[in-house]
Amino acid sequence: MGAVLGAADREIVDMVQGPLTEELLADIWFAVTVESSVSVDCAIQGIPCFLCRWFIAPLVGYGEQFVKYGAARGLESPQEIVRIPEMLRDFGIGPEVQQRLRNPIEAGRLEKLLRGS
């Protein structure tokens, strides 16, 4: 973290691991994650999340789905981390994204998606 953040910024940044709690979600402004459902949890709470795409396994595709459906914004390289304050100005989680992520998929729609039609 020291190579990206200065001493003053490190004072206000927390690195966390483990399960998300309501208390943690209530205290964060945004999240940076690696191919994780954290982006969905954050989006449901209206918290912007940035996904480190350079860590994403190309064959799995989970991370790309988080970006595609608006749960996260992708970062292409570690150098983009310093641009997060700028990116936060125009990155909001709209109610349509939150609603889509909260509602389970209907059986018919799931079947259609799995068949590729």
PDB file of N, CA and C in Angstrom:
ATOM      1  N   MET A   1       0.830  -1.184   0.000  1.00  0.00           N
ATOM      2  CA  MET A   1       0.000   0.000   0.000  1.00  0.00           C
ATOM      3  C   MET A   1       0.877   1.250   0.000  1.00  0.00           C
ATOM      4  N   GLY A   2       2.068   1.174   0.575  1.00  0.00           N
ATOM      5  CA  GLY A   2       2.943   2.327   0.669  1.00  0.00           C
ATOM      6  C   GLY A   2       3.386   2.874  -0.681  1.00  0.00           C
ATOM      7  N   ALA A   3       3.489   2.016  -1.698  1.00  0.00           N
ATOM      8  CA  ALA A   3       3.932   2.482  -3.010  1.00  0.00           C
ATOM      9  C   ALA A   3       2.857   3.300  -3.712  1.00  0.00           C
ATOM     10  N   VAL A   4       1.618   3.161  -3.317  1.00  0.00           N
ATOM     11  CA  VAL A   4       0.516   3.865  -3.966  1.00  0.00           C
ATOM     12  C   VAL A   4       0.054   5.058  -3.142  1.00  0.00           C
ATOM     13  N   LEU A   5      -0.022   4.901  -1.847  1.00  0.00           N
ATOM     14  CA  LEU A   5      -0.536   5.954  -0.965  1.00  0.00           C
ATOM     15  C   LEU A   5       0.582   6.628  -0.181  1.00  0.00           C
ATOM     16  N   GLY A   6       0.462   7.928  -0.015  1.00  0.00           N
ATOM     17  CA  GLY A   6       1.381   8.665   0.836  1.00  0.00           C
ATOM     18  C   GLY A   6       1.059   8.420   2.295  1.00  0.00           C
ATOM     19  N   ALA A   7       1.932   8.902   3.181  1.00  0.00           N
ATOM     20  CA  ALA A   7       1.765   8.678   4.621  1.00  0.00           C
ATOM     21  C   ALA A   7       0.430   9.212   5.133  1.00  0.00           C
ATOM     22  N   ALA A   8       0.038  10.404   4.706  1.00  0.00           N
ATOM     23  CA  ALA A   8      -1.228  10.993   5.176  1.00  0.00           C
ATOM     24  C   ALA A   8      -2.423  10.160   4.730  1.00  0.00           C
ATOM     25  N   ASP A   9      -2.379   9.660   3.499  1.00  0.00           N
ATOM     26  CA  ASP A   9      -3.489   8.846   2.997  1.00  0.00           C
ATOM     27  C   ASP A   9      -3.555   7.498   3.697  1.00  0.00           C
ATOM     28  N   ARG A  10      -2.406   6.927   4.028  1.00  0.00           N
ATOM     29  CA  ARG A  10      -2.406   5.638   4.735  1.00  0.00           C
ATOM     30  C   ARG A  10      -3.071   5.751   6.096  1.00  0.00           C
ATOM     31  N   GLU A  11      -3.085   6.947   6.676  1.00  0.00           N
ATOM     32  CA  GLU A  11      -3.728   7.149   7.976  1.00  0.00           C
ATOM     33  C   GLU A  11      -5.247   6.973   7.905  1.00  0.00           C
ATOM     34  N   ILE A  12      -5.847   7.200   6.735  1.00  0.00           N
ATOM     35  CA  ILE A  12      -7.307   7.109   6.622  1.00  0.00           C
ATOM     36  C   ILE A  12      -7.788   5.899   5.825  1.00  0.00           C
ATOM     37  N   VAL A  13      -6.856   5.056   5.370  1.00  0.00           N
ATOM     38  CA  VAL A  13      -7.204   3.875   4.585  1.00  0.00           C
ATOM     39  C   VAL A  13      -7.050   2.639   5.456  1.00  0.00           C
ATOM     40  N   ASP A  14      -8.057   1.783   5.425  1.00  0.00           N
ATOM     41  CA  ASP A  14      -8.001   0.513   6.147  1.00  0.00           C
ATOM     42  C   ASP A  14      -8.001  -0.632   5.149  1.00  0.00           C
ATOM     43  N   MET A  15      -7.125  -1.584   5.378  1.00  0.00           N
ATOM     44  CA  MET A  15      -7.135  -2.826   4.606  1.00  0.00           C
ATOM     45  C   MET A  15      -7.873  -3.837   5.468  1.00  0.00           C
ATOM     46  N   VAL A  16      -8.901  -4.454   4.911  1.00  0.00           N
ATOM     47  CA  VAL A  16      -9.666  -5.429   5.682  1.00  0.00           C
ATOM     48  C   VAL A  16      -9.772  -6.731   4.904  1.00  0.00           C
ATOM     49  N   GLN A  17      -9.969  -7.799   5.630  1.00  0.00           N
ATOM     50  CA  GLN A  17     -10.238  -9.093   5.013  1.00  0.00           C
ATOM     51  C   GLN A  17     -11.225  -9.821   5.896  1.00  0.00           C
ATOM     52  N   GLY A  18     -11.871 -10.792   5.315  1.00  0.00           N
ATOM     53  CA  GLY A  18     -12.871 -11.521   6.075  1.00  0.00           C
ATOM     54  C   GLY A  18     -14.267 -11.088   5.658  1.00  0.00           C
ATOM     55  N   PRO A  19     -15.266 -11.582   6.353  1.00  0.00           N
ATOM     56  CA  PRO A  19     -16.644 -11.289   5.959  1.00  0.00           C
ATOM     57  C   PRO A  19     -17.005  -9.816   6.181  1.00  0.00           C
ATOM     58  N   LEU A  20     -17.870  -9.323   5.314  1.00  0.00           N
ATOM     59  CA  LEU A  20     -18.388  -7.966   5.475  1.00  0.00           C
ATOM     60  C   LEU A  20     -19.418  -7.960   6.598  1.00  0.00           C
ATOM     61  N   THR A  21     -19.376  -6.927   7.385  1.00  0.00           N
ATOM     62  CA  THR A  21     -20.367  -6.766   8.439  1.00  0.00           C
ATOM     63  C   THR A  21     -21.157  -5.495   8.162  1.00  0.00           C
ATOM     64  N   GLU A  22     -22.299  -5.372   8.783  1.00  0.00           N
ATOM     65  CA  GLU A  22     -23.103  -4.156   8.650  1.00  0.00           C
ATOM     66  C   GLU A  22     -22.315  -2.942   9.134  1.00  0.00           C
ATOM     67  N   GLU A  23     -21.558  -3.112  10.213  1.00  0.00           N
ATOM     68  CA  GLU A  23     -20.765  -2.005  10.755  1.00  0.00           C
ATOM     69  C   GLU A  23     -19.709  -1.542   9.755  1.00  0.00           C
ATOM     70  N   LEU A  24     -19.036  -2.485   9.137  1.00  0.00           N
ATOM     71  CA  LEU A  24     -18.016  -2.144   8.146  1.00  0.00           C
ATOM     72  C   LEU A  24     -18.645  -1.427   6.964  1.00  0.00           C
ATOM     73  N   LEU A  25     -19.739  -1.952   6.448  1.00  0.00           N
ATOM     74  CA  LEU A  25     -20.413  -1.328   5.305  1.00  0.00           C
ATOM     75  C   LEU A  25     -20.898   0.078   5.640  1.00  0.00           C
ATOM     76  N   ALA A  26     -21.284   0.303   6.874  1.00  0.00           N
ATOM     77  CA  ALA A  26     -21.775   1.629   7.280  1.00  0.00           C
ATOM     78  C   ALA A  26     -20.650   2.661   7.331  1.00  0.00           C
ATOM     79  N   ASP A  27     -19.412   2.199   7.464  1.00  0.00           N
ATOM     80  CA  ASP A  27     -18.286   3.113   7.638  1.00  0.00           C
ATOM     81  C   ASP A  27     -17.448   3.362   6.393  1.00  0.00           C
ATOM     82  N   ILE A  28     -17.707   2.660   5.293  1.00  0.00           N
ATOM     83  CA  ILE A  28     -16.816   2.827   4.135  1.00  0.00           C
ATOM     84  C   ILE A  28     -17.402   3.761   3.092  1.00  0.00           C
ATOM     85  N   TRP A  29     -16.505   4.450   2.384  1.00  0.00           N
ATOM     86  CA  TRP A  29     -16.892   5.373   1.302  1.00  0.00           C
ATOM     87  C   TRP A  29     -16.904   4.647  -0.031  1.00  0.00           C
ATOM     88  N   PHE A  30     -15.961   3.719  -0.202  1.00  0.00           N
ATOM     89  CA  PHE A  30     -15.851   2.928  -1.412  1.00  0.00           C
ATOM     90  C   PHE A  30     -15.006   1.704  -1.089  1.00  0.00           C
ATOM     91  N   ALA A  31     -14.965   0.755  -2.017  1.00  0.00           N
ATOM     92  CA  ALA A  31     -14.171  -0.458  -1.823  1.00  0.00           C
ATOM     93  C   ALA A  31     -13.338  -0.738  -3.062  1.00  0.00           C
ATOM     94  N   VAL A  32     -12.217  -1.401  -2.850  1.00  0.00           N
ATOM     95  CA  VAL A  32     -11.377  -1.918  -3.926  1.00  0.00           C
ATOM     96  C   VAL A  32     -11.248  -3.398  -3.651  1.00  0.00           C
ATOM     97  N   THR A  33     -11.535  -4.215  -4.656  1.00  0.00           N
ATOM     98  CA  THR A  33     -11.543  -5.660  -4.423  1.00  0.00           C
ATOM     99  C   THR A  33     -10.960  -6.405  -5.621  1.00  0.00           C
ATOM    100  N   VAL A  34     -10.786  -7.689  -5.421  1.00  0.00           N
ATOM    101  CA  VAL A  34     -10.250  -8.573  -6.446  1.00  0.00           C
ATOM    102  C   VAL A  34     -11.255  -9.701  -6.669  1.00  0.00           C
ATOM    103  N   GLU A  35     -11.909  -9.707  -7.809  1.00  0.00           N
ATOM    104  CA  GLU A  35     -12.827 -10.775  -8.195  1.00  0.00           C
ATOM    105  C   GLU A  35     -13.608 -11.338  -7.011  1.00  0.00           C
ATOM    106  N   SER A  36     -14.442 -10.511  -6.464  1.00  0.00           N
ATOM    107  CA  SER A  36     -15.132 -10.871  -5.235  1.00  0.00           C
ATOM    108  C   SER A  36     -16.572 -10.406  -5.264  1.00  0.00           C
ATOM    109  N   SER A  37     -17.421 -11.146  -4.566  1.00  0.00           N
ATOM    110  CA  SER A  37     -18.809 -10.734  -4.442  1.00  0.00           C
ATOM    111  C   SER A  37     -18.949  -9.507  -3.542  1.00  0.00           C
ATOM    112  N   VAL A  38     -17.846  -9.018  -3.002  1.00  0.00           N
ATOM    113  CA  VAL A  38     -17.868  -7.773  -2.232  1.00  0.00           C
ATOM    114  C   VAL A  38     -18.493  -6.668  -3.073  1.00  0.00           C
ATOM    115  N   SER A  39     -18.243  -6.688  -4.378  1.00  0.00           N
ATOM    116  CA  SER A  39     -18.801  -5.647  -5.241  1.00  0.00           C
ATOM    117  C   SER A  39     -20.322  -5.683  -5.232  1.00  0.00           C
ATOM    118  N   VAL A  40     -20.915  -6.849  -5.168  1.00  0.00           N
ATOM    119  CA  VAL A  40     -22.373  -6.963  -5.107  1.00  0.00           C
ATOM    120  C   VAL A  40     -22.883  -6.463  -3.758  1.00  0.00           C
ATOM    121  N   ASP A  41     -22.232  -6.884  -2.685  1.00  0.00           N
ATOM    122  CA  ASP A  41     -22.634  -6.422  -1.347  1.00  0.00           C
ATOM    123  C   ASP A  41     -22.561  -4.907  -1.253  1.00  0.00           C
ATOM    124  N   CYS A  42     -21.496  -4.328  -1.789  1.00  0.00           N
ATOM    125  CA  CYS A  42     -21.346  -2.875  -1.763  1.00  0.00           C
ATOM    126  C   CYS A  42     -22.409  -2.198  -2.619  1.00  0.00           C
ATOM    127  N   ALA A  43     -22.633  -2.709  -3.819  1.00  0.00           N
ATOM    128  CA  ALA A  43     -23.614  -2.092  -4.722  1.00  0.00           C
ATOM    129  C   ALA A  43     -25.010  -2.084  -4.102  1.00  0.00           C
ATOM    130  N   ILE A  44     -25.381  -3.153  -3.459  1.00  0.00           N
ATOM    131  CA  ILE A  44     -26.692  -3.215  -2.813  1.00  0.00           C
ATOM    132  C   ILE A  44     -26.823  -2.115  -1.760  1.00  0.00           C
ATOM    133  N   GLN A  45     -25.706  -1.771  -1.114  1.00  0.00           N
ATOM    134  CA  GLN A  45     -25.706  -0.712  -0.102  1.00  0.00           C
ATOM    135  C   GLN A  45     -25.463   0.676  -0.713  1.00  0.00           C
ATOM    136  N   GLY A  46     -25.247   0.731  -2.050  1.00  0.00           N
ATOM    137  CA  GLY A  46     -24.990   2.009  -2.717  1.00  0.00           C
ATOM    138  C   GLY A  46     -23.557   2.486  -2.585  1.00  0.00           C
ATOM    139  N   ILE A  47     -22.649   1.584  -2.279  1.00  0.00           N
ATOM    140  CA  ILE A  47     -21.237   1.921  -2.080  1.00  0.00           C
ATOM    141  C   ILE A  47     -20.460   1.611  -3.367  1.00  0.00           C
ATOM    142  N   PRO A  48     -19.788   2.598  -3.945  1.00  0.00           N
ATOM    143  CA  PRO A  48     -18.984   2.332  -5.150  1.00  0.00           C
ATOM    144  C   PRO A  48     -17.872   1.327  -4.851  1.00  0.00           C
ATOM    145  N   CYS A  49     -17.650   0.437  -5.799  1.00  0.00           N
ATOM    146  CA  CYS A  49     -16.623  -0.588  -5.650  1.00  0.00           C
ATOM    147  C   CYS A  49     -15.793  -0.635  -6.928  1.00  0.00           C
ATOM    148  N   PHE A  50     -14.491  -0.757  -6.755  1.00  0.00           N
ATOM    149  CA  PHE A  50     -13.565  -0.835  -7.875  1.00  0.00           C
ATOM    150  C   PHE A  50     -12.944  -2.224  -7.886  1.00  0.00           C
ATOM    151  N   LEU A  51     -12.940  -2.832  -9.058  1.00  0.00           N
ATOM    152  CA  LEU A  51     -12.472  -4.200  -9.229  1.00  0.00           C
ATOM    153  C   LEU A  51     -11.120  -4.198  -9.939  1.00  0.00           C
ATOM    154  N   CYS A  52     -10.127  -4.811  -9.343  1.00  0.00           N
ATOM    155  CA  CYS A  52      -8.779  -4.877  -9.922  1.00  0.00           C
ATOM    156  C   CYS A  52      -8.753  -5.939 -11.013  1.00  0.00           C
ATOM    157  N   ARG A  53      -8.972  -5.509 -12.249  1.00  0.00           N
ATOM    158  CA  ARG A  53      -9.090  -6.448 -13.366  1.00  0.00           C
ATOM    159  C   ARG A  53      -7.802  -7.208 -13.677  1.00  0.00           C
ATOM    160  N   TRP A  54      -6.658  -6.666 -13.327  1.00  0.00           N
ATOM    161  CA  TRP A  54      -5.412  -7.347 -13.658  1.00  0.00           C
ATOM    162  C   TRP A  54      -5.255  -8.638 -12.865  1.00  0.00           C
ATOM    163  N   PHE A  55      -6.076  -8.839 -11.835  1.00  0.00           N
ATOM    164  CA  PHE A  55      -6.046 -10.084 -11.067  1.00  0.00           C
ATOM    165  C   PHE A  55      -7.089 -11.097 -11.531  1.00  0.00           C
ATOM    166  N   ILE A  56      -7.979 -10.699 -12.411  1.00  0.00           N
ATOM    167  CA  ILE A  56      -9.104 -11.554 -12.789  1.00  0.00           C
ATOM    168  C   ILE A  56      -8.644 -12.696 -13.699  1.00  0.00           C
ATOM    169  N   ALA A  57      -9.018 -13.915 -13.318  1.00  0.00           N
ATOM    170  CA  ALA A  57      -8.720 -15.086 -14.151  1.00  0.00           C
ATOM    171  C   ALA A  57      -9.596 -15.025 -15.399  1.00  0.00           C
ATOM    172  N   PRO A  58      -8.996 -15.014 -16.590  1.00  0.00           N
ATOM    173  CA  PRO A  58      -9.779 -14.812 -17.818  1.00  0.00           C
ATOM    174  C   PRO A  58     -10.803 -15.905 -18.109  1.00  0.00           C
ATOM    175  N   LEU A  59     -10.581 -17.099 -17.647  1.00  0.00           N
ATOM    176  CA  LEU A  59     -11.507 -18.190 -17.962  1.00  0.00           C
ATOM    177  C   LEU A  59     -12.736 -18.215 -17.066  1.00  0.00           C
ATOM    178  N   VAL A  60     -12.668 -17.596 -15.907  1.00  0.00           N
ATOM    179  CA  VAL A  60     -13.780 -17.654 -14.960  1.00  0.00           C
ATOM    180  C   VAL A  60     -14.851 -16.630 -15.314  1.00  0.00           C
ATOM    181  N   GLY A  61     -14.485 -15.375 -15.443  1.00  0.00           N
ATOM    182  CA  GLY A  61     -15.413 -14.348 -15.883  1.00  0.00           C
ATOM    183  C   GLY A  61     -16.298 -13.708 -14.830  1.00  0.00           C
ATOM    184  N   TYR A  62     -16.147 -14.099 -13.559  1.00  0.00           N
ATOM    185  CA  TYR A  62     -16.997 -13.507 -12.528  1.00  0.00           C
ATOM    186  C   TYR A  62     -16.796 -12.001 -12.431  1.00  0.00           C
ATOM    187  N   GLY A  63     -15.558 -11.585 -12.393  1.00  0.00           N
ATOM    188  CA  GLY A  63     -15.258 -10.166 -12.262  1.00  0.00           C
ATOM    189  C   GLY A  63     -15.856  -9.336 -13.380  1.00  0.00           C
ATOM    190  N   GLU A  64     -15.789  -9.839 -14.578  1.00  0.00           N
ATOM    191  CA  GLU A  64     -16.353  -9.116 -15.718  1.00  0.00           C
ATOM    192  C   GLU A  64     -17.866  -8.971 -15.584  1.00  0.00           C
ATOM    193  N   GLN A  65     -18.512  -9.947 -14.983  1.00  0.00           N
ATOM    194  CA  GLN A  65     -19.959  -9.857 -14.768  1.00  0.00           C
ATOM    195  C   GLN A  65     -20.286  -8.760 -13.760  1.00  0.00           C
ATOM    196  N   PHE A  66     -19.469  -8.624 -12.730  1.00  0.00           N
ATOM    197  CA  PHE A  66     -19.691  -7.563 -11.741  1.00  0.00           C
ATOM    198  C   PHE A  66     -19.640  -6.195 -12.411  1.00  0.00           C
ATOM    199  N   VAL A  67     -18.681  -6.013 -13.324  1.00  0.00           N
ATOM    200  CA  VAL A  67     -18.545  -4.740 -14.047  1.00  0.00           C
ATOM    201  C   VAL A  67     -19.698  -4.577 -15.034  1.00  0.00           C
ATOM    202  N   LYS A  68     -19.985  -5.612 -15.783  1.00  0.00           N
ATOM    203  CA  LYS A  68     -21.028  -5.552 -16.812  1.00  0.00           C
ATOM    204  C   LYS A  68     -22.381  -5.142 -16.234  1.00  0.00           C
ATOM    205  N   TYR A  69     -22.719  -5.644 -15.066  1.00  0.00           N
ATOM    206  CA  TYR A  69     -24.025  -5.368 -14.477  1.00  0.00           C
ATOM    207  C   TYR A  69     -24.022  -4.198 -13.495  1.00  0.00           C
ATOM    208  N   GLY A  70     -22.934  -3.435 -13.471  1.00  0.00           N
ATOM    209  CA  GLY A  70     -22.905  -2.193 -12.709  1.00  0.00           C
ATOM    210  C   GLY A  70     -22.598  -2.308 -11.230  1.00  0.00           C
ATOM    211  N   ALA A  71     -22.198  -3.497 -10.771  1.00  0.00           N
ATOM    212  CA  ALA A  71     -21.876  -3.657  -9.354  1.00  0.00           C
ATOM    213  C   ALA A  71     -20.493  -3.111  -9.027  1.00  0.00           C
ATOM    214  N   ALA A  72     -19.647  -2.945 -10.046  1.00  0.00           N
ATOM    215  CA  ALA A  72     -18.291  -2.450  -9.824  1.00  0.00           C
ATOM    216  C   ALA A  72     -17.817  -1.716 -11.065  1.00  0.00           C
ATOM    217  N   ARG A  73     -16.789  -0.925 -10.877  1.00  0.00           N
ATOM    218  CA  ARG A  73     -16.086  -0.300 -12.002  1.00  0.00           C
ATOM    219  C   ARG A  73     -14.706  -0.942 -12.060  1.00  0.00           C
ATOM    220  N   GLY A  74     -14.287  -1.313 -13.263  1.00  0.00           N
ATOM    221  CA  GLY A  74     -13.010  -1.994 -13.423  1.00  0.00           C
ATOM    222  C   GLY A  74     -11.823  -1.051 -13.417  1.00  0.00           C
ATOM    223  N   LEU A  75     -10.764  -1.489 -12.776  1.00  0.00           N
ATOM    224  CA  LEU A  75      -9.468  -0.820 -12.842  1.00  0.00           C
ATOM    225  C   LEU A  75      -8.552  -1.727 -13.662  1.00  0.00           C
ATOM    226  N   GLU A  76      -7.875  -1.155 -14.651  1.00  0.00           N
ATOM    227  CA  GLU A  76      -7.055  -1.955 -15.553  1.00  0.00           C
ATOM    228  C   GLU A  76      -5.640  -2.200 -15.037  1.00  0.00           C
ATOM    229  N   SER A  77      -5.144  -1.333 -14.161  1.00  0.00           N
ATOM    230  CA  SER A  77      -3.777  -1.480 -13.662  1.00  0.00           C
ATOM    231  C   SER A  77      -3.678  -0.845 -12.279  1.00  0.00           C
ATOM    232  N   PRO A  78      -2.628  -1.198 -11.532  1.00  0.00           N
ATOM    233  CA  PRO A  78      -2.448  -0.592 -10.208  1.00  0.00           C
ATOM    234  C   PRO A  78      -2.301   0.932 -10.282  1.00  0.00           C
ATOM    235  N   GLN A  79      -1.805   1.437 -11.375  1.00  0.00           N
ATOM    236  CA  GLN A  79      -1.632   2.876 -11.521  1.00  0.00           C
ATOM    237  C   GLN A  79      -2.956   3.630 -11.495  1.00  0.00           C
ATOM    238  N   GLU A  80      -4.049   2.970 -11.813  1.00  0.00           N
ATOM    239  CA  GLU A  80      -5.359   3.629 -11.797  1.00  0.00           C
ATOM    240  C   GLU A  80      -5.894   3.856 -10.383  1.00  0.00           C
ATOM    241  N   ILE A  81      -5.336   3.190  -9.403  1.00  0.00           N
ATOM    242  CA  ILE A  81      -5.818   3.349  -8.029  1.00  0.00           C
ATOM    243  C   ILE A  81      -5.745   4.808  -7.597  1.00  0.00           C
ATOM    244  N   VAL A  82      -4.709   5.522  -8.012  1.00  0.00           N
ATOM    245  CA  VAL A  82      -4.574   6.927  -7.620  1.00  0.00           C
ATOM    246  C   VAL A  82      -5.658   7.809  -8.236  1.00  0.00           C
ATOM    247  N   ARG A  83      -6.352   7.304  -9.246  1.00  0.00           N
ATOM    248  CA  ARG A  83      -7.432   8.063  -9.893  1.00  0.00           C
ATOM    249  C   ARG A  83      -8.792   7.826  -9.243  1.00  0.00           C
ATOM    250  N   ILE A  84      -8.867   6.983  -8.231  1.00  0.00           N
ATOM    251  CA  ILE A  84     -10.151   6.670  -7.602  1.00  0.00           C
ATOM    252  C   ILE A  84     -10.881   7.926  -7.127  1.00  0.00           C
ATOM    253  N   PRO A  85     -10.239   8.885  -6.455  1.00  0.00           N
ATOM    254  CA  PRO A  85     -10.996  10.083  -6.044  1.00  0.00           C
ATOM    255  C   PRO A  85     -11.666  10.786  -7.229  1.00  0.00           C
ATOM    256  N   GLU A  86     -10.982  10.864  -8.338  1.00  0.00           N
ATOM    257  CA  GLU A  86     -11.552  11.470  -9.547  1.00  0.00           C
ATOM    258  C   GLU A  86     -12.711  10.624 -10.087  1.00  0.00           C
ATOM    259  N   MET A  87     -12.528   9.312 -10.105  1.00  0.00           N
ATOM    260  CA  MET A  87     -13.565   8.409 -10.622  1.00  0.00           C
ATOM    261  C   MET A  87     -14.815   8.413  -9.744  1.00  0.00           C
ATOM    262  N   LEU A  88     -14.650   8.650  -8.454  1.00  0.00           N
ATOM    263  CA  LEU A  88     -15.796   8.661  -7.544  1.00  0.00           C
ATOM    264  C   LEU A  88     -16.776   9.791  -7.864  1.00  0.00           C
ATOM    265  N   ARG A  89     -16.285  10.839  -8.504  1.00  0.00           N
ATOM    266  CA  ARG A  89     -17.155  11.979  -8.828  1.00  0.00           C
ATOM    267  C   ARG A  89     -18.299  11.589  -9.758  1.00  0.00           C
ATOM    268  N   ASP A  90     -18.060  10.618 -10.642  1.00  0.00           N
ATOM    269  CA  ASP A  90     -19.110  10.239 -11.596  1.00  0.00           C
ATOM    270  C   ASP A  90     -19.481   8.758 -11.505  1.00  0.00           C
ATOM    271  N   PHE A  91     -19.253   8.157 -10.358  1.00  0.00           N
ATOM    272  CA  PHE A  91     -19.575   6.743 -10.186  1.00  0.00           C
ATOM    273  C   PHE A  91     -20.562   6.599  -9.043  1.00  0.00           C
ATOM    274  N   GLY A  92     -21.793   6.393  -9.395  1.00  0.00           N
ATOM    275  CA  GLY A  92     -22.824   6.159  -8.405  1.00  0.00           C
ATOM    276  C   GLY A  92     -23.539   4.856  -8.706  1.00  0.00           C
ATOM    277  N   ILE A  93     -24.063   4.255  -7.701  1.00  0.00           N
ATOM    278  CA  ILE A  93     -24.845   3.025  -7.865  1.00  0.00           C
ATOM    279  C   ILE A  93     -26.305   3.438  -7.878  1.00  0.00           C
ATOM    280  N   GLY A  94     -26.941   3.310  -9.030  1.00  0.00           N
ATOM    281  CA  GLY A  94     -28.332   3.710  -9.159  1.00  0.00           C
ATOM    282  C   GLY A  94     -29.289   2.684  -8.583  1.00  0.00           C
ATOM    283  N   PRO A  95     -30.519   3.116  -8.306  1.00  0.00           N
ATOM    284  CA  PRO A  95     -31.509   2.198  -7.734  1.00  0.00           C
ATOM    285  C   PRO A  95     -31.823   1.019  -8.647  1.00  0.00           C
ATOM    286  N   GLU A  96     -31.702   1.203  -9.972  1.00  0.00           N
ATOM    287  CA  GLU A  96     -31.982   0.085 -10.884  1.00  0.00           C
ATOM    288  C   GLU A  96     -30.951  -1.028 -10.715  1.00  0.00           C
ATOM    289  N   VAL A  97     -29.687  -0.673 -10.484  1.00  0.00           N
ATOM    290  CA  VAL A  97     -28.649  -1.676 -10.239  1.00  0.00           C
ATOM    291  C   VAL A  97     -28.921  -2.371  -8.912  1.00  0.00           C
ATOM    292  N   GLN A  98     -29.231  -1.604  -7.883  1.00  0.00           N
ATOM    293  CA  GLN A  98     -29.505  -2.192  -6.574  1.00  0.00           C
ATOM    294  C   GLN A  98     -30.696  -3.149  -6.637  1.00  0.00           C
ATOM    295  N   GLN A  99     -31.743  -2.748  -7.313  1.00  0.00           N
ATOM    296  CA  GLN A  99     -32.928  -3.587  -7.419  1.00  0.00           C
ATOM    297  C   GLN A  99     -32.636  -4.882  -8.160  1.00  0.00           C
ATOM    298  N   ARG A 100     -31.885  -4.767  -9.246  1.00  0.00           N
ATOM    299  CA  ARG A 100     -31.540  -5.949 -10.048  1.00  0.00           C
ATOM    300  C   ARG A 100     -30.713  -6.934  -9.221  1.00  0.00           C
ATOM    301  N   LEU A 101     -29.836  -6.417  -8.376  1.00  0.00           N
ATOM    302  CA  LEU A 101     -28.976  -7.290  -7.575  1.00  0.00           C
ATOM    303  C   LEU A 101     -29.704  -7.893  -6.375  1.00  0.00           C
ATOM    304  N   ARG A 102     -30.740  -7.241  -5.893  1.00  0.00           N
ATOM    305  CA  ARG A 102     -31.489  -7.734  -4.731  1.00  0.00           C
ATOM    306  C   ARG A 102     -32.471  -8.839  -5.092  1.00  0.00           C
ATOM    307  N   ASN A 103     -33.043  -8.753  -6.280  1.00  0.00           N
ATOM    308  CA  ASN A 103     -34.100  -9.680  -6.665  1.00  0.00           C
ATOM    309  C   ASN A 103     -33.528 -10.959  -7.255  1.00  0.00           C
ATOM    310  N   PRO A 104     -33.973 -12.093  -6.744  1.00  0.00           N
ATOM    311  CA  PRO A 104     -33.525 -13.359  -7.346  1.00  0.00           C
ATOM    312  C   PRO A 104     -34.078 -13.490  -8.762  1.00  0.00           C
ATOM    313  N   ILE A 105     -33.351 -14.194  -9.587  1.00  0.00           N
ATOM    314  CA  ILE A 105     -33.769 -14.391 -10.974  1.00  0.00           C
ATOM    315  C   ILE A 105     -34.955 -15.349 -11.020  1.00  0.00           C
ATOM    316  N   GLU A 106     -35.856 -15.084 -11.929  1.00  0.00           N
ATOM    317  CA  GLU A 106     -37.006 -15.975 -12.114  1.00  0.00           C
ATOM    318  C   GLU A 106     -36.537 -17.246 -12.805  1.00  0.00           C
ATOM    319  N   ALA A 107     -37.156 -18.353 -12.489  1.00  0.00           N
ATOM    320  CA  ALA A 107     -36.751 -19.660 -13.019  1.00  0.00           C
ATOM    321  C   ALA A 107     -36.736 -19.678 -14.547  1.00  0.00           C
ATOM    322  N   GLY A 108     -37.748 -19.113 -15.169  1.00  0.00           N
ATOM    323  CA  GLY A 108     -37.808 -19.103 -16.630  1.00  0.00           C
ATOM    324  C   GLY A 108     -36.672 -18.317 -17.256  1.00  0.00           C
ATOM    325  N   ARG A 109     -36.357 -17.174 -16.670  1.00  0.00           N
ATOM    326  CA  ARG A 109     -35.253 -16.358 -17.189  1.00  0.00           C
ATOM    327  C   ARG A 109     -33.917 -17.072 -17.004  1.00  0.00           C
ATOM    328  N   LEU A 110     -33.716 -17.729 -15.866  1.00  0.00           N
ATOM    329  CA  LEU A 110     -32.494 -18.479 -15.629  1.00  0.00           C
ATOM    330  C   LEU A 110     -32.343 -19.585 -16.654  1.00  0.00           C
ATOM    331  N   GLU A 111     -33.398 -20.325 -16.892  1.00  0.00           N
ATOM    332  CA  GLU A 111     -33.362 -21.409 -17.874  1.00  0.00           C
ATOM    333  C   GLU A 111     -33.002 -20.870 -19.256  1.00  0.00           C
ATOM    334  N   LYS A 112     -33.589 -19.752 -19.620  1.00  0.00           N
ATOM    335  CA  LYS A 112     -33.304 -19.132 -20.913  1.00  0.00           C
ATOM    336  C   LYS A 112     -31.831 -18.705 -21.011  1.00  0.00           C
ATOM    337  N   LEU A 113     -31.308 -18.126 -19.955  1.00  0.00           N
ATOM    338  CA  LEU A 113     -29.909 -17.713 -19.950  1.00  0.00           C
ATOM    339  C   LEU A 113     -28.967 -18.918 -20.041  1.00  0.00           C
ATOM    340  N   LEU A 114     -29.306 -19.979 -19.327  1.00  0.00           N
ATOM    341  CA  LEU A 114     -28.455 -21.170 -19.344  1.00  0.00           C
ATOM    342  C   LEU A 114     -28.470 -21.864 -20.710  1.00  0.00           C
ATOM    343  N   ARG A 115     -29.569 -21.765 -21.421  1.00  0.00           N
ATOM    344  CA  ARG A 115     -29.650 -22.338 -22.766  1.00  0.00           C
ATOM    345  C   ARG A 115     -28.981 -21.455 -23.805  1.00  0.00           C
ATOM    346  N   GLY A 116     -28.704 -20.184 -23.407  1.00  0.00           N
ATOM    347  CA  GLY A 116     -28.058 -19.271 -24.352  1.00  0.00           C
ATOM    348  C   GLY A 116     -29.022 -18.654 -25.342  1.00  0.00           C
ATOM    349  N   SER A 117     -30.299 -18.638 -25.031  1.00  0.00           N
ATOM    350  CA  SER A 117     -31.261 -18.053 -25.970  1.00  0.00           C
ATOM    351  C   SER A 117     -31.789 -16.737 -25.482  1.00  0.00           C
TER     352      SER A 117
END
